[in-house]
C-alpha atoms as a PDB file:
ATOM      1  CA  UNK A   1     -12.483 -63.533  24.250  1.00  0.00           C
ATOM      2  CA  UNK A   2     -10.308 -60.805  22.792  1.00  0.00           C
ATOM      3  CA  UNK A   3      -8.454 -59.958  19.616  1.00  0.00           C
ATOM      4  CA  UNK A   4      -5.188 -58.057  19.954  1.00  0.00           C
ATOM      5  CA  UNK A   5      -3.328 -55.867  17.449  1.00  0.00           C
ATOM      6  CA  UNK A   6       0.107 -54.406  18.187  1.00  0.00           C
ATOM      7  CA  UNK A   7       1.416 -51.133  16.782  1.00  0.00           C
ATOM      8  CA  UNK A   8       4.264 -48.707  17.369  1.00  0.00           C
ATOM      9  CA  UNK A   9       7.197 -50.895  16.431  1.00  0.00           C
ATOM     10  CA  UNK A  10      10.045 -49.657  14.314  1.00  0.00           C
ATOM     11  CA  UNK A  11      13.710 -48.761  14.178  1.00  0.00           C
ATOM     12  CA  UNK A  12      15.346 -46.825  16.993  1.00  0.00           C
ATOM     13  CA  UNK A  13      18.938 -46.123  17.951  1.00  0.00           C
ATOM     14  CA  UNK A  14      20.479 -47.499  21.119  1.00  0.00           C
ATOM     15  CA  UNK A  15      19.581 -45.394  24.130  1.00  0.00           C
ATOM     16  CA  UNK A  16      16.366 -44.232  22.550  1.00  0.00           C
ATOM     17  CA  UNK A  17      12.753 -44.852  23.506  1.00  0.00           C
ATOM     18  CA  UNK A  18       9.728 -46.393  21.886  1.00  0.00           C
ATOM     19  CA  UNK A  19       6.163 -47.084  22.975  1.00  0.00           C
ATOM     20  CA  UNK A  20       4.262 -50.117  21.794  1.00  0.00           C
ATOM     21  CA  UNK A  21       0.477 -50.183  21.855  1.00  0.00           C
ATOM     22  CA  UNK A  22      -1.856 -53.139  21.735  1.00  0.00           C
ATOM     23  CA  UNK A  23      -5.491 -52.467  20.924  1.00  0.00           C
ATOM     24  CA  UNK A  24      -8.013 -55.101  21.916  1.00  0.00           C
ATOM     25  CA  UNK A  25     -11.566 -55.987  21.080  1.00  0.00           C
ATOM     26  CA  UNK A  26     -13.769 -57.673  23.637  1.00  0.00           C
ATOM     27  CA  UNK A  27     -15.965 -56.416  26.424  1.00  0.00           C
ATOM     28  CA  UNK A  28     -14.147 -58.483  29.047  1.00  0.00           C
ATOM     29  CA  UNK A  29     -10.863 -56.644  28.429  1.00  0.00           C
ATOM     30  CA  UNK A  30     -10.774 -54.922  31.808  1.00  0.00           C
ATOM     31  CA  UNK A  31     -10.748 -58.203  33.711  1.00  0.00           C
ATOM     32  CA  UNK A  32      -7.870 -59.791  31.809  1.00  0.00           C
ATOM     33  CA  UNK A  33      -4.291 -59.871  32.908  1.00  0.00           C
ATOM     34  CA  UNK A  34      -2.105 -58.650  30.047  1.00  0.00           C
ATOM     35  CA  UNK A  35       1.445 -59.424  29.076  1.00  0.00           C
ATOM     36  CA  UNK A  36       4.220 -58.555  26.668  1.00  0.00           C
ATOM     37  CA  UNK A  37       6.564 -61.177  25.260  1.00  0.00           C
ATOM     38  CA  UNK A  38       9.312 -61.011  22.682  1.00  0.00           C
ATOM     39  CA  UNK A  39      11.141 -63.334  20.348  1.00  0.00           C
ATOM     40  CA  UNK A  40      14.510 -62.582  18.796  1.00  0.00           C
ATOM     41  CA  UNK A  41      15.810 -64.408  15.708  1.00  0.00           C
ATOM     42  CA  UNK A  42      16.973 -67.898  16.610  1.00  0.00           C
ATOM     43  CA  UNK A  43      15.726 -67.631  20.187  1.00  0.00           C
ATOM     44  CA  UNK A  44      12.667 -68.795  22.078  1.00  0.00           C
ATOM     45  CA  UNK A  45       9.863 -66.472  23.037  1.00  0.00           C
ATOM     46  CA  UNK A  46      10.537 -64.854  26.398  1.00  0.00           C
ATOM     47  CA  UNK A  47       8.547 -63.002  29.002  1.00  0.00           C
ATOM     48  CA  UNK A  48       8.926 -59.222  29.178  1.00  0.00           C
ATOM     49  CA  UNK A  49       6.220 -57.752  31.415  1.00  0.00           C
ATOM     50  CA  UNK A  50       2.727 -58.358  32.754  1.00  0.00           C
ATOM     51  CA  UNK A  51      -0.003 -56.349  34.442  1.00  0.00           C
ATOM     52  CA  UNK A  52      -3.019 -57.455  36.456  1.00  0.00           C
ATOM     53  CA  UNK A  53      -6.624 -56.937  35.433  1.00  0.00           C
ATOM     54  CA  UNK A  54      -8.877 -54.040  36.365  1.00  0.00           C
ATOM     55  CA  UNK A  55      -6.738 -51.203  37.762  1.00  0.00           C
ATOM     56  CA  UNK A  56      -3.443 -52.912  36.967  1.00  0.00           C
ATOM     57  CA  UNK A  57      -2.186 -52.646  40.519  1.00  0.00           C
ATOM     58  CA  UNK A  58       0.262 -55.518  40.113  1.00  0.00           C
ATOM     59  CA  UNK A  59       3.076 -55.570  37.570  1.00  0.00           C
ATOM     60  CA  UNK A  60       6.046 -57.824  37.007  1.00  0.00           C
ATOM     61  CA  UNK A  61       9.064 -57.446  34.730  1.00  0.00           C
ATOM     62  CA  UNK A  62      11.809 -59.638  33.435  1.00  0.00           C
ATOM     63  CA  UNK A  63      15.128 -58.795  35.035  1.00  0.00           C
ATOM     64  CA  UNK A  64      16.580 -57.804  31.678  1.00  0.00           C
ATOM     65  CA  UNK A  65      14.085 -54.957  31.236  1.00  0.00           C
ATOM     66  CA  UNK A  66      13.242 -53.911  34.789  1.00  0.00           C
ATOM     67  CA  UNK A  67      13.919 -50.226  35.292  1.00  0.00           C
ATOM     68  CA  UNK A  68      13.816 -49.548  31.558  1.00  0.00           C
ATOM     69  CA  UNK A  69      10.381 -50.776  30.435  1.00  0.00           C
ATOM     70  CA  UNK A  70       6.961 -49.862  31.823  1.00  0.00           C
ATOM     71  CA  UNK A  71       3.713 -51.696  31.180  1.00  0.00           C
ATOM     72  CA  UNK A  72       0.410 -49.870  31.601  1.00  0.00           C
ATOM     73  CA  UNK A  73      -3.214 -50.213  30.570  1.00  0.00           C
ATOM     74  CA  UNK A  74      -6.101 -47.952  29.649  1.00  0.00           C
ATOM     75  CA  UNK A  75      -9.330 -49.875  30.012  1.00  0.00           C
ATOM     76  CA  UNK A  76     -11.413 -47.058  28.528  1.00  0.00           C
ATOM     77  CA  UNK A  77      -9.442 -47.504  25.299  1.00  0.00           C
ATOM     78  CA  UNK A  78      -9.077 -51.293  25.529  1.00  0.00           C
ATOM     79  CA  UNK A  79      -5.348 -50.800  25.157  1.00  0.00           C
ATOM     80  CA  UNK A  80      -2.181 -52.011  26.848  1.00  0.00           C
ATOM     81  CA  UNK A  81       1.137 -50.214  26.405  1.00  0.00           C
ATOM     82  CA  UNK A  82       4.799 -51.017  26.741  1.00  0.00           C
ATOM     83  CA  UNK A  83       7.028 -47.981  27.144  1.00  0.00           C
ATOM     84  CA  UNK A  84      10.625 -48.896  26.384  1.00  0.00           C
ATOM     85  CA  UNK A  85      13.425 -46.579  27.470  1.00  0.00           C
ATOM     86  CA  UNK A  86      17.204 -46.869  27.232  1.00  0.00           C
ATOM     87  CA  UNK A  87      16.880 -49.407  24.467  1.00  0.00           C
ATOM     88  CA  UNK A  88      19.742 -51.765  23.726  1.00  0.00           C
ATOM     89  CA  UNK A  89      20.557 -53.773  20.594  1.00  0.00           C
ATOM     90  CA  UNK A  90      19.705 -56.942  22.512  1.00  0.00           C
ATOM     91  CA  UNK A  91      16.121 -55.670  22.806  1.00  0.00           C
ATOM     92  CA  UNK A  92      15.713 -56.264  19.076  1.00  0.00           C
ATOM     93  CA  UNK A  93      12.869 -58.743  18.624  1.00  0.00           C
ATOM     94  CA  UNK A  94       9.293 -59.222  17.565  1.00  0.00           C
ATOM     95  CA  UNK A  95       7.121 -58.094  20.460  1.00  0.00           C
ATOM     96  CA  UNK A  96       3.785 -59.749  21.174  1.00  0.00           C
ATOM     97  CA  UNK A  97       0.991 -58.695  23.488  1.00  0.00           C
ATOM     98  CA  UNK A  98      -1.141 -61.347  25.121  1.00  0.00           C
ATOM     99  CA  UNK A  99      -4.145 -61.682  27.414  1.00  0.00           C
ATOM    100  CA  UNK A 100      -5.344 -64.237  29.925  1.00  0.00           C
ATOM    101  CA  UNK A 101      -8.038 -64.767  32.476  1.00  0.00           C
ATOM    102  CA  UNK A 102      -7.114 -64.833  36.130  1.00  0.00           C
ATOM    103  CA  UNK A 103      -4.048 -63.591  37.931  1.00  0.00           C
ATOM    104  CA  UNK A 104      -0.861 -62.262  36.383  1.00  0.00           C
ATOM    105  CA  UNK A 105       1.642 -64.815  35.142  1.00  0.00           C
ATOM    106  CA  UNK A 106       4.967 -64.971  33.337  1.00  0.00           C
ATOM    107  CA  UNK A 107       4.526 -68.217  31.419  1.00  0.00           C
ATOM    108  CA  UNK A 108       3.613 -67.745  27.767  1.00  0.00           C
ATOM    109  CA  UNK A 109       1.630 -70.971  27.700  1.00  0.00           C
ATOM    110  CA  UNK A 110      -0.803 -69.621  30.285  1.00  0.00           C
ATOM    111  CA  UNK A 111      -1.975 -66.812  27.980  1.00  0.00           C
ATOM    112  CA  UNK A 112      -5.032 -67.480  25.850  1.00  0.00           C
ATOM    113  CA  UNK A 113      -5.017 -64.663  23.303  1.00  0.00           C
ATOM    114  CA  UNK A 114      -2.161 -63.246  21.248  1.00  0.00           C
ATOM    115  CA  UNK A 115      -1.484 -60.412  18.864  1.00  0.00           C
ATOM    116  CA  UNK A 116       0.394 -60.895  15.611  1.00  0.00           C
ATOM    117  CA  UNK A 117       3.533 -59.105  16.757  1.00  0.00           C
ATOM    118  CA  UNK A 118       5.414 -55.869  16.129  1.00  0.00           C
ATOM    119  CA  UNK A 119       9.046 -55.656  15.048  1.00  0.00           C
ATOM    120  CA  UNK A 120      11.387 -53.585  17.198  1.00  0.00           C
ATOM    121  CA  UNK A 121      14.907 -53.047  15.909  1.00  0.00           C
ATOM    122  CA  UNK A 122      17.534 -51.244  17.972  1.00  0.00           C
ATOM    123  CA  UNK A 123      20.635 -50.136  16.123  1.00  0.00           C
ATOM    124  CA  UNK A 124      24.026 -49.826  17.784  1.00  0.00           C
END
């Protein structure tokens, strides 16, 4: 079991960069696959990125963010990151980190633990 807390959200201009952090509690952190999801106003929650447990050798990104966003993890700090580059106004959303047991996955319903979210606003 883990508890997740996001930080690093804020306002950034289009083309800029931002790094989100998600700090977790729980001794089993290293074994969990981790994911980032986002939800824009009036839209459903969507998958952004995921990373496998342990050394994070496997990653997967939504097509809309591939090449711009990078997910990484630091097990010593019980933290997962989402580095966002070349931000666009359509990236504006509340971003959530999540954790699950087992292999990486893109479906939100397969994740067991969720943070409370961090607002990211990209101005044009």
